[in-house]
Amino acid sequence: MAKRKQTVSGRWPKEEINTLKKEFRNKTNKEIAEKLNRNESSIQFKASQLGLKKSSKHLKKMRLRK
């Protein structure tokens, strides 16, 4: 059986919050989740708590991919 990647749960260290603030506007939640070893929903939830938004440039790029 394949080993599941263990994710971090609970508290967010300052370093991870700083990374999230720095990268959220221009990277996908998946990219940030992989970097921080967290799931995508936790990235979105924490970003929402912090009032972070994706940049319009990033959102436009994401729409073009569809």
Protein backbone atom coordinates (compact mmCIF):
# COMPACT_ATOMS: atom_id res chain seq x y z
CA MET A 1 0.00 0.00 0.00
CA ALA A 2 1.31 3.46 -0.92
CA LYS A 3 2.27 5.73 1.92
CA ARG A 4 0.18 8.89 2.21
CA LYS A 5 1.92 12.19 2.45
CA GLN A 6 1.54 13.40 6.01
CA THR A 7 0.18 16.91 6.27
CA VAL A 8 0.66 19.49 8.95
CA SER A 9 -2.37 20.27 11.03
CA GLY A 10 -3.28 22.82 13.61
CA ARG A 11 -1.23 25.91 14.24
CA TRP A 12 0.40 27.95 11.55
CA PRO A 13 3.99 29.00 12.36
CA LYS A 14 4.91 32.60 11.48
CA GLU A 15 7.18 31.39 8.68
CA GLU A 16 4.29 29.57 6.98
CA ILE A 17 1.98 32.56 7.35
CA ASN A 18 4.65 34.79 5.82
CA THR A 19 5.06 32.34 2.92
CA LEU A 20 1.31 32.26 2.39
CA LYS A 21 1.08 36.06 2.40
CA LYS A 22 3.99 36.33 -0.03
CA GLU A 23 2.83 33.69 -2.51
CA PHE A 24 -0.98 33.58 -2.35
CA ARG A 25 -1.63 36.36 -4.87
CA ASN A 26 0.29 34.76 -7.73
CA LYS A 27 0.45 31.01 -7.11
CA THR A 28 -2.16 28.30 -7.09
CA ASN A 29 -3.40 26.89 -3.81
CA LYS A 30 -2.05 23.53 -4.95
CA GLU A 31 1.47 24.93 -5.41
CA ILE A 32 1.41 26.56 -1.98
CA ALA A 33 -0.07 23.45 -0.35
CA GLU A 34 2.71 21.29 -1.75
CA LYS A 35 5.37 23.73 -0.58
CA LEU A 36 3.93 23.95 2.95
CA ASN A 37 2.91 20.30 3.16
CA ARG A 38 -0.72 21.21 3.80
CA ASN A 39 -3.94 20.48 1.92
CA GLU A 40 -5.50 22.98 -0.48
CA SER A 41 -8.54 23.61 1.71
CA SER A 42 -6.36 24.64 4.65
CA ILE A 43 -4.53 27.09 2.37
CA GLN A 44 -7.82 28.62 1.23
CA PHE A 45 -9.23 28.75 4.76
CA LYS A 46 -6.16 30.47 6.22
CA ALA A 47 -5.96 32.90 3.30
CA SER A 48 -9.60 33.78 3.87
CA GLN A 49 -8.96 34.37 7.58
CA LEU A 50 -6.10 36.69 6.64
CA GLY A 51 -8.15 38.50 4.01
CA LEU A 52 -5.82 37.48 1.17
CA LYS A 53 -6.97 37.67 -2.45
CA LYS A 54 -5.58 36.36 -5.74
CA SER A 55 -4.22 39.03 -8.09
CA SER A 56 -6.34 39.92 -11.10
CA LYS A 57 -3.41 38.91 -13.33
CA HIS A 58 -3.33 35.45 -11.73
CA LEU A 59 -7.11 35.04 -11.99
CA LYS A 60 -7.04 36.01 -15.66
CA LYS A 61 -4.28 33.47 -16.30
CA MET A 62 -6.31 30.76 -14.53
CA ARG A 63 -9.39 31.54 -16.65
CA LEU A 64 -7.36 31.18 -19.84
CA ARG A 65 -6.23 27.69 -18.80
CA LYS A 66 -9.80 26.35 -18.77
